[in-house]
Amino acid sequence: MARRDSDTIFHVVNFNIQNVLQDGLIEIQKLQLDKNYISDQSFTFLRYMRFLVDHAIKRTQTTVEAEKNRQLYYRKLWRENYKILKKISALSKTLENQRNLRRRIEERIQSQHIKNIELVEKIEKKFMRDSKGVSKKFEGMQIDEYKQSEARQNDLKEIHNITQNKLQNSLMTNERLEKDIYSKRYKVTSQYLSLLNRYDTEIGERLAIITNLKAEFDALSEKRRQLEANFNHKFSIYKLKNNTCFC
């Protein structure tokens, strides 16, 4: 009941205030329309007053529940903002630590880079000294090798000439030997053919004799077979007769 009365009072008061503010706003607007009778400072003041009255009207039009919700919203927003600020603070520290770490790493890298450059310069200088020494050494070796190569070429030319002479002599000797071999081969071939012809003649004659002897042997063998057959036949007849007489 008390709450209802307080709400009623609030609405009544709020309504009256809105009416007063609306009336004031109308009066201000009327004064602003009549620019000929007010100064610039007064016009500016009225403009600010109009903004203030507009704001006050909007605030009086806000209900209790809407105001509570607005306050709750802004409180929640403040808490979230506070949490975000704490996170930002923590992240800022982390970021600062990372920046410090990165700066230290960059300093170490820069220091190592300078050392590497110095080392490269030392190596380059040593390389130039060594390359000059090696170049001189190899130039001397090349000159020595050229002289040795020239001497070897002269030796090889001399060996080539000697070898060519020996080869020519060997060719002439082989040619003579080849002629002798051909001559002996012809002689041996002729003798071989003569012996072969004589052998063929003798073999032919002996083969004819063997053929005749074989024919005679075959005839005698046939005649012997016939005689044995007749003898066996007659002997069989003779045995048959003797057996009959004894009976």
C-alpha atoms as a PDB file:
ATOM      1  CA  MET A   1       0.000   0.000   0.000  1.00  0.00           C
ATOM      2  CA  ALA A   2       2.782   2.374   0.911  1.00  0.00           C
ATOM      3  CA  ARG A   3       4.625   1.487  -2.271  1.00  0.00           C
ATOM      4  CA  ARG A   4       1.515   2.145  -4.319  1.00  0.00           C
ATOM      5  CA  ASP A   5       1.106   5.540  -2.674  1.00  0.00           C
ATOM      6  CA  SER A   6       4.748   6.390  -3.318  1.00  0.00           C
ATOM      7  CA  ASP A   7       4.429   5.371  -6.966  1.00  0.00           C
ATOM      8  CA  THR A   8       1.286   7.492  -7.269  1.00  0.00           C
ATOM      9  CA  ILE A   9       3.035  10.470  -5.742  1.00  0.00           C
ATOM     10  CA  PHE A  10       5.999   9.912  -8.048  1.00  0.00           C
ATOM     11  CA  HIS A  11       3.821   9.832 -11.130  1.00  0.00           C
ATOM     12  CA  VAL A  12       1.893  12.949 -10.040  1.00  0.00           C
ATOM     13  CA  VAL A  13       5.055  14.884  -9.286  1.00  0.00           C
ATOM     14  CA  ASN A  14       6.686  13.627 -12.436  1.00  0.00           C
ATOM     15  CA  PHE A  15       3.640  14.629 -14.482  1.00  0.00           C
ATOM     16  CA  ASN A  16       3.606  18.128 -12.999  1.00  0.00           C
ATOM     17  CA  ILE A  17       7.327  18.549 -13.612  1.00  0.00           C
ATOM     18  CA  GLN A  18       6.869  17.442 -17.230  1.00  0.00           C
ATOM     19  CA  ASN A  19       4.094  20.018 -17.671  1.00  0.00           C
ATOM     20  CA  VAL A  20       6.260  22.767 -16.207  1.00  0.00           C
ATOM     21  CA  LEU A  21       9.184  21.744 -18.399  1.00  0.00           C
ATOM     22  CA  GLN A  22       6.974  21.582 -21.480  1.00  0.00           C
ATOM     23  CA  ASP A  23       5.660  25.075 -20.732  1.00  0.00           C
ATOM     24  CA  GLY A  24       9.200  26.320 -20.192  1.00  0.00           C
ATOM     25  CA  LEU A  25      10.307  24.716 -23.474  1.00  0.00           C
ATOM     26  CA  ILE A  26       7.446  26.431 -25.320  1.00  0.00           C
ATOM     27  CA  GLU A  27       8.414  29.792 -23.847  1.00  0.00           C
ATOM     28  CA  ILE A  28      12.057  29.277 -24.777  1.00  0.00           C
ATOM     29  CA  GLN A  29      11.087  28.381 -28.344  1.00  0.00           C
ATOM     30  CA  LYS A  30       8.963  31.533 -28.553  1.00  0.00           C
ATOM     31  CA  LEU A  31      11.853  33.663 -27.347  1.00  0.00           C
ATOM     32  CA  GLN A  32      14.223  32.016 -29.835  1.00  0.00           C
ATOM     33  CA  LEU A  33      11.863  32.804 -32.684  1.00  0.00           C
ATOM     34  CA  ASP A  34      12.001  36.490 -31.888  1.00  0.00           C
ATOM     35  CA  LYS A  35      15.708  37.103 -32.637  1.00  0.00           C
ATOM     36  CA  ASN A  36      15.261  40.807 -33.151  1.00  0.00           C
ATOM     37  CA  TYR A  37      14.574  41.470 -29.445  1.00  0.00           C
ATOM     38  CA  ILE A  38      17.350  39.330 -27.848  1.00  0.00           C
ATOM     39  CA  SER A  39      21.106  39.530 -27.999  1.00  0.00           C
ATOM     40  CA  ASP A  40      23.417  36.821 -29.288  1.00  0.00           C
ATOM     41  CA  GLN A  41      24.474  35.917 -25.758  1.00  0.00           C
ATOM     42  CA  SER A  42      20.824  35.558 -24.735  1.00  0.00           C
ATOM     43  CA  PHE A  43      20.121  33.473 -27.809  1.00  0.00           C
ATOM     44  CA  THR A  44      23.044  31.162 -26.950  1.00  0.00           C
ATOM     45  CA  PHE A  45      21.866  30.960 -23.347  1.00  0.00           C
ATOM     46  CA  LEU A  46      18.351  30.064 -24.494  1.00  0.00           C
ATOM     47  CA  ARG A  47      19.732  27.422 -26.796  1.00  0.00           C
ATOM     48  CA  TYR A  48      21.635  25.806 -23.928  1.00  0.00           C
ATOM     49  CA  MET A  49      18.564  26.086 -21.720  1.00  0.00           C
ATOM     50  CA  ARG A  50      16.532  24.373 -24.429  1.00  0.00           C
ATOM     51  CA  PHE A  51      19.040  21.505 -24.500  1.00  0.00           C
ATOM     52  CA  LEU A  52      18.844  21.288 -20.686  1.00  0.00           C
ATOM     53  CA  VAL A  53      15.041  21.264 -20.699  1.00  0.00           C
ATOM     54  CA  ASP A  54      14.951  18.652 -23.482  1.00  0.00           C
ATOM     55  CA  HIS A  55      17.253  16.481 -21.433  1.00  0.00           C
ATOM     56  CA  ALA A  56      15.174  16.993 -18.294  1.00  0.00           C
ATOM     57  CA  ILE A  57      11.966  16.100 -20.162  1.00  0.00           C
ATOM     58  CA  LYS A  58      13.522  12.930 -21.500  1.00  0.00           C
ATOM     59  CA  ARG A  59      14.680  12.014 -18.001  1.00  0.00           C
ATOM     60  CA  THR A  60      11.233  12.652 -16.492  1.00  0.00           C
ATOM     61  CA  GLN A  61       9.666  10.515 -19.206  1.00  0.00           C
ATOM     62  CA  THR A  62      11.823   7.609 -18.064  1.00  0.00           C
ATOM     63  CA  THR A  63       9.979   5.140 -15.809  1.00  0.00           C
ATOM     64  CA  VAL A  64      11.318   3.768 -12.551  1.00  0.00           C
ATOM     65  CA  GLU A  65      11.793   0.324 -14.063  1.00  0.00           C
ATOM     66  CA  ALA A  66      13.524   1.753 -17.110  1.00  0.00           C
ATOM     67  CA  GLU A  67      15.818   3.772 -14.849  1.00  0.00           C
ATOM     68  CA  LYS A  68      16.619   0.689 -12.796  1.00  0.00           C
ATOM     69  CA  ASN A  69      17.305  -1.289 -15.945  1.00  0.00           C
ATOM     70  CA  ARG A  70      19.483   1.524 -17.235  1.00  0.00           C
ATOM     71  CA  GLN A  71      21.448   1.639 -13.992  1.00  0.00           C
ATOM     72  CA  LEU A  72      21.778  -2.148 -13.987  1.00  0.00           C
ATOM     73  CA  TYR A  73      22.960  -2.038 -17.581  1.00  0.00           C
ATOM     74  CA  TYR A  74      25.570   0.627 -16.835  1.00  0.00           C
ATOM     75  CA  ARG A  75      26.701  -1.205 -13.689  1.00  0.00           C
ATOM     76  CA  LYS A  76      27.111  -4.381 -15.688  1.00  0.00           C
ATOM     77  CA  LEU A  77      28.881  -2.405 -18.360  1.00  0.00           C
ATOM     78  CA  TRP A  78      31.143  -0.861 -15.694  1.00  0.00           C
ATOM     79  CA  ARG A  79      32.003  -4.318 -14.264  1.00  0.00           C
ATOM     80  CA  GLU A  80      32.765  -5.671 -17.719  1.00  0.00           C
ATOM     81  CA  ASN A  81      34.800  -2.583 -18.453  1.00  0.00           C
ATOM     82  CA  TYR A  82      36.656  -3.071 -15.152  1.00  0.00           C
ATOM     83  CA  LYS A  83      37.416  -6.714 -16.063  1.00  0.00           C
ATOM     84  CA  ILE A  84      38.547  -5.668 -19.506  1.00  0.00           C
ATOM     85  CA  LEU A  85      40.778  -2.974 -17.993  1.00  0.00           C
ATOM     86  CA  LYS A  86      42.333  -5.575 -15.670  1.00  0.00           C
ATOM     87  CA  LYS A  87      42.900  -7.896 -18.629  1.00  0.00           C
ATOM     88  CA  ILE A  88      44.346  -5.024 -20.624  1.00  0.00           C
ATOM     89  CA  SER A  89      46.632  -4.195 -17.696  1.00  0.00           C
ATOM     90  CA  ALA A  90      47.777  -7.828 -17.452  1.00  0.00           C
ATOM     91  CA  LEU A  91      48.158  -8.050 -21.214  1.00  0.00           C
ATOM     92  CA  SER A  92      50.038  -4.758 -21.210  1.00  0.00           C
ATOM     93  CA  LYS A  93      52.503  -6.200 -18.692  1.00  0.00           C
ATOM     94  CA  THR A  94      52.805  -9.352 -20.787  1.00  0.00           C
ATOM     95  CA  LEU A  95      53.249  -7.263 -23.916  1.00  0.00           C
ATOM     96  CA  GLU A  96      55.872  -5.152 -22.181  1.00  0.00           C
ATOM     97  CA  ASN A  97      57.686  -8.308 -21.080  1.00  0.00           C
ATOM     98  CA  GLN A  98      57.520  -9.605 -24.631  1.00  0.00           C
ATOM     99  CA  ARG A  99      58.828  -6.299 -25.920  1.00  0.00           C
ATOM    100  CA  ASN A 100      61.698  -6.431 -23.436  1.00  0.00           C
ATOM    101  CA  LEU A 101      62.389 -10.046 -24.394  1.00  0.00           C
ATOM    102  CA  ARG A 102      62.249  -9.163 -28.083  1.00  0.00           C
ATOM    103  CA  ARG A 103      64.573  -6.211 -27.487  1.00  0.00           C
ATOM    104  CA  ARG A 104      67.057  -8.442 -25.662  1.00  0.00           C
ATOM    105  CA  ILE A 105      66.814 -11.073 -28.431  1.00  0.00           C
ATOM    106  CA  GLU A 106      67.340  -8.384 -31.072  1.00  0.00           C
ATOM    107  CA  GLU A 107      70.353  -7.087 -29.141  1.00  0.00           C
ATOM    108  CA  ARG A 108      71.814 -10.606 -28.950  1.00  0.00           C
ATOM    109  CA  ILE A 109      71.073 -11.166 -32.640  1.00  0.00           C
ATOM    110  CA  GLN A 110      72.635  -7.825 -33.513  1.00  0.00           C
ATOM    111  CA  SER A 111      75.692  -8.658 -31.411  1.00  0.00           C
ATOM    112  CA  GLN A 112      75.956 -12.098 -33.013  1.00  0.00           C
ATOM    113  CA  HIS A 113      75.460 -10.523 -36.433  1.00  0.00           C
ATOM    114  CA  ILE A 114      78.349  -8.141 -35.806  1.00  0.00           C
ATOM    115  CA  LYS A 115      80.509 -11.067 -34.665  1.00  0.00           C
ATOM    116  CA  ASN A 116      79.517 -13.025 -37.761  1.00  0.00           C
ATOM    117  CA  ILE A 117      80.415 -10.078 -39.984  1.00  0.00           C
ATOM    118  CA  GLU A 118      83.817  -9.800 -38.295  1.00  0.00           C
ATOM    119  CA  LEU A 119      84.328 -13.559 -38.685  1.00  0.00           C
ATOM    120  CA  VAL A 120      83.336 -13.400 -42.357  1.00  0.00           C
ATOM    121  CA  GLU A 121      85.775 -10.542 -42.910  1.00  0.00           C
ATOM    122  CA  LYS A 122      88.564 -12.555 -41.241  1.00  0.00           C
ATOM    123  CA  ILE A 123      87.707 -15.619 -43.328  1.00  0.00           C
ATOM    124  CA  GLU A 124      87.587 -13.495 -46.475  1.00  0.00           C
ATOM    125  CA  LYS A 125      91.004 -11.987 -45.761  1.00  0.00           C
ATOM    126  CA  LYS A 126      92.452 -15.439 -45.024  1.00  0.00           C
ATOM    127  CA  PHE A 127      90.835 -16.762 -48.193  1.00  0.00           C
ATOM    128  CA  MET A 128      92.431 -13.999 -50.254  1.00  0.00           C
ATOM    129  CA  ARG A 129      95.864 -14.710 -48.742  1.00  0.00           C
ATOM    130  CA  ASP A 130      95.475 -18.464 -49.195  1.00  0.00           C
ATOM    131  CA  SER A 131      94.117 -18.086 -52.728  1.00  0.00           C
ATOM    132  CA  LYS A 132      97.088 -15.959 -53.734  1.00  0.00           C
ATOM    133  CA  GLY A 133      99.500 -18.509 -52.229  1.00  0.00           C
ATOM    134  CA  VAL A 134      97.686 -21.427 -53.836  1.00  0.00           C
ATOM    135  CA  SER A 135      97.537 -19.574 -57.154  1.00  0.00           C
ATOM    136  CA  LYS A 136     101.294 -18.984 -57.130  1.00  0.00           C
ATOM    137  CA  LYS A 137     101.903 -22.586 -56.096  1.00  0.00           C
ATOM    138  CA  PHE A 138      99.725 -23.996 -58.854  1.00  0.00           C
ATOM    139  CA  GLU A 139     101.232 -21.638 -61.423  1.00  0.00           C
ATOM    140  CA  GLY A 140     104.667 -23.047 -60.542  1.00  0.00           C
ATOM    141  CA  MET A 141     103.300 -26.592 -60.657  1.00  0.00           C
ATOM    142  CA  GLN A 142     101.706 -25.914 -64.044  1.00  0.00           C
ATOM    143  CA  ILE A 143     104.992 -24.590 -65.409  1.00  0.00           C
ATOM    144  CA  ASP A 144     106.812 -27.682 -64.116  1.00  0.00           C
ATOM    145  CA  GLU A 145     104.132 -29.962 -65.526  1.00  0.00           C
ATOM    146  CA  TYR A 146     104.325 -28.167 -68.880  1.00  0.00           C
ATOM    147  CA  LYS A 147     108.084 -28.696 -69.000  1.00  0.00           C
ATOM    148  CA  GLN A 148     107.689 -32.339 -67.999  1.00  0.00           C
ATOM    149  CA  SER A 149     104.912 -32.766 -70.554  1.00  0.00           C
ATOM    150  CA  GLU A 150     107.112 -31.282 -73.267  1.00  0.00           C
ATOM    151  CA  ALA A 151     109.933 -33.659 -72.310  1.00  0.00           C
ATOM    152  CA  ARG A 152     107.509 -36.614 -72.315  1.00  0.00           C
ATOM    153  CA  GLN A 153     106.240 -35.571 -75.741  1.00  0.00           C
ATOM    154  CA  ASN A 154     109.787 -35.570 -77.092  1.00  0.00           C
ATOM    155  CA  ASP A 155     110.373 -39.004 -75.564  1.00  0.00           C
ATOM    156  CA  LEU A 156     107.123 -40.278 -77.014  1.00  0.00           C
ATOM    157  CA  LYS A 157     108.038 -38.938 -80.457  1.00  0.00           C
ATOM    158  CA  GLU A 158     111.361 -40.766 -80.296  1.00  0.00           C
ATOM    159  CA  ILE A 159     109.649 -43.946 -79.083  1.00  0.00           C
ATOM    160  CA  HIS A 160     107.095 -43.558 -81.873  1.00  0.00           C
ATOM    161  CA  ASN A 161     109.807 -43.298 -84.504  1.00  0.00           C
ATOM    162  CA  ILE A 162     111.610 -46.357 -83.116  1.00  0.00           C
ATOM    163  CA  THR A 163     108.361 -48.299 -82.889  1.00  0.00           C
ATOM    164  CA  GLN A 164     107.397 -47.300 -86.421  1.00  0.00           C
ATOM    165  CA  ASN A 165     110.745 -48.534 -87.751  1.00  0.00           C
ATOM    166  CA  LYS A 166     110.341 -51.807 -85.862  1.00  0.00           C
ATOM    167  CA  LEU A 167     106.817 -52.156 -87.194  1.00  0.00           C
ATOM    168  CA  GLN A 168     108.012 -51.573 -90.758  1.00  0.00           C
ATOM    169  CA  ASN A 169     110.708 -54.204 -90.326  1.00  0.00           C
ATOM    170  CA  SER A 170     108.180 -56.585 -88.795  1.00  0.00           C
ATOM    171  CA  LEU A 171     105.819 -56.031 -91.722  1.00  0.00           C
ATOM    172  CA  MET A 172     108.553 -56.801 -94.216  1.00  0.00           C
ATOM    173  CA  THR A 173     109.544 -59.922 -92.265  1.00  0.00           C
ATOM    174  CA  ASN A 174     105.929 -61.052 -92.014  1.00  0.00           C
ATOM    175  CA  GLU A 175     105.475 -60.490 -95.736  1.00  0.00           C
ATOM    176  CA  ARG A 176     108.451 -62.740 -96.505  1.00  0.00           C
ATOM    177  CA  LEU A 177     107.186 -65.354 -94.061  1.00  0.00           C
ATOM    178  CA  GLU A 178     103.733 -65.164 -95.601  1.00  0.00           C
ATOM    179  CA  LYS A 179     105.154 -65.781 -99.067  1.00  0.00           C
ATOM    180  CA  ASP A 180     107.128 -68.757 -97.763  1.00  0.00           C
ATOM    181  CA  ILE A 181     104.047 -70.106 -96.020  1.00  0.00           C
ATOM    182  CA  TYR A 182     101.951 -69.761 -99.178  1.00  0.00           C
ATOM    183  CA  SER A 183     104.630 -71.545-101.183  1.00  0.00           C
ATOM    184  CA  LYS A 184     104.902 -74.379 -98.670  1.00  0.00           C
ATOM    185  CA  ARG A 185     101.148 -74.553 -98.358  1.00  0.00           C
ATOM    186  CA  TYR A 186     100.783 -74.938-102.141  1.00  0.00           C
ATOM    187  CA  LYS A 187     103.370 -77.665-102.161  1.00  0.00           C
ATOM    188  CA  VAL A 188     101.765 -79.519 -99.256  1.00  0.00           C
ATOM    189  CA  THR A 189      98.309 -79.103-100.774  1.00  0.00           C
ATOM    190  CA  SER A 190      99.496 -80.581-104.067  1.00  0.00           C
ATOM    191  CA  GLN A 191     101.053 -83.541-102.267  1.00  0.00           C
ATOM    192  CA  TYR A 192      97.917 -84.020-100.203  1.00  0.00           C
ATOM    193  CA  LEU A 193      95.668 -84.004-103.280  1.00  0.00           C
ATOM    194  CA  SER A 194      97.936 -86.507-105.012  1.00  0.00           C
ATOM    195  CA  LEU A 195      97.866 -88.809-102.001  1.00  0.00           C
ATOM    196  CA  LEU A 196      94.128 -88.368-101.692  1.00  0.00           C
ATOM    197  CA  ASN A 197      93.558 -89.320-105.334  1.00  0.00           C
ATOM    198  CA  ARG A 198      95.792 -92.355-104.976  1.00  0.00           C
ATOM    199  CA  TYR A 199      94.014 -93.331-101.776  1.00  0.00           C
ATOM    200  CA  ASP A 200      90.629 -92.976-103.466  1.00  0.00           C
ATOM    201  CA  THR A 201      91.809 -95.220-106.332  1.00  0.00           C
ATOM    202  CA  GLU A 202      93.166 -97.887-103.984  1.00  0.00           C
ATOM    203  CA  ILE A 203      90.085 -97.768-101.795  1.00  0.00           C
ATOM    204  CA  GLY A 204      87.844 -98.131-104.845  1.00  0.00           C
ATOM    205  CA  GLU A 205      89.726-101.197-106.039  1.00  0.00           C
ATOM    206  CA  ARG A 206      89.707-102.776-102.603  1.00  0.00           C
ATOM    207  CA  LEU A 207      86.039-101.981-102.167  1.00  0.00           C
ATOM    208  CA  ALA A 208      85.284-103.809-105.437  1.00  0.00           C
ATOM    209  CA  ILE A 209      87.291-106.829-104.265  1.00  0.00           C
ATOM    210  CA  ILE A 210      85.491-106.800-100.923  1.00  0.00           C
ATOM    211  CA  THR A 211      82.136-106.567-102.688  1.00  0.00           C
ATOM    212  CA  ASN A 212      82.970-109.603-104.891  1.00  0.00           C
ATOM    213  CA  LEU A 213      84.229-111.579-101.920  1.00  0.00           C
ATOM    214  CA  LYS A 214      81.073-110.757 -99.969  1.00  0.00           C
ATOM    215  CA  ALA A 215      78.935-111.931-102.898  1.00  0.00           C
ATOM    216  CA  GLU A 216      80.874-115.207-103.094  1.00  0.00           C
ATOM    217  CA  PHE A 217      80.574-115.619 -99.302  1.00  0.00           C
ATOM    218  CA  ASP A 218      76.849-115.047 -99.436  1.00  0.00           C
ATOM    219  CA  ALA A 219      76.509-117.622-102.280  1.00  0.00           C
ATOM    220  CA  LEU A 220      78.539-120.198-100.380  1.00  0.00           C
ATOM    221  CA  SER A 221      76.511-119.533 -97.236  1.00  0.00           C
ATOM    222  CA  GLU A 222      73.278-120.111 -99.170  1.00  0.00           C
ATOM    223  CA  LYS A 223      74.629-123.292-100.704  1.00  0.00           C
ATOM    224  CA  ARG A 224      75.745-124.530 -97.271  1.00  0.00           C
ATOM    225  CA  ARG A 225      72.284-123.787 -95.868  1.00  0.00           C
ATOM    226  CA  GLN A 226      70.681-125.792 -98.662  1.00  0.00           C
ATOM    227  CA  LEU A 227      73.056-128.712 -98.111  1.00  0.00           C
ATOM    228  CA  GLU A 228      72.338-128.709 -94.381  1.00  0.00           C
ATOM    229  CA  ALA A 229      68.621-128.703 -95.089  1.00  0.00           C
ATOM    230  CA  ASN A 230      68.932-131.661 -97.512  1.00  0.00           C
ATOM    231  CA  PHE A 231      71.122-133.499 -95.043  1.00  0.00           C
ATOM    232  CA  ASN A 232      68.681-132.988 -92.233  1.00  0.00           C
ATOM    233  CA  HIS A 233      65.794-134.112 -94.443  1.00  0.00           C
ATOM    234  CA  LYS A 234      67.594-137.261 -95.550  1.00  0.00           C
ATOM    235  CA  PHE A 235      68.723-137.978 -91.999  1.00  0.00           C
ATOM    236  CA  SER A 236      65.147-137.731 -90.824  1.00  0.00           C
ATOM    237  CA  ILE A 237      64.035-140.219 -93.500  1.00  0.00           C
ATOM    238  CA  TYR A 238      66.866-142.546 -92.545  1.00  0.00           C
ATOM    239  CA  LYS A 239      65.935-142.512 -88.885  1.00  0.00           C
ATOM    240  CA  LEU A 240      62.302-143.154 -89.747  1.00  0.00           C
ATOM    241  CA  LYS A 241      63.235-146.231 -91.841  1.00  0.00           C
ATOM    242  CA  ASN A 242      65.471-147.642 -89.146  1.00  0.00           C
ATOM    243  CA  ASN A 243      62.781-147.273 -86.535  1.00  0.00           C
ATOM    244  CA  THR A 244      60.297-149.106 -88.801  1.00  0.00           C
ATOM    245  CA  CYS A 245      62.675-152.065 -89.421  1.00  0.00           C
ATOM    246  CA  PHE A 246      63.283-152.628 -85.725  1.00  0.00           C
ATOM    247  CA  CYS A 247      59.619-152.794 -85.109  1.00  0.00           C
END
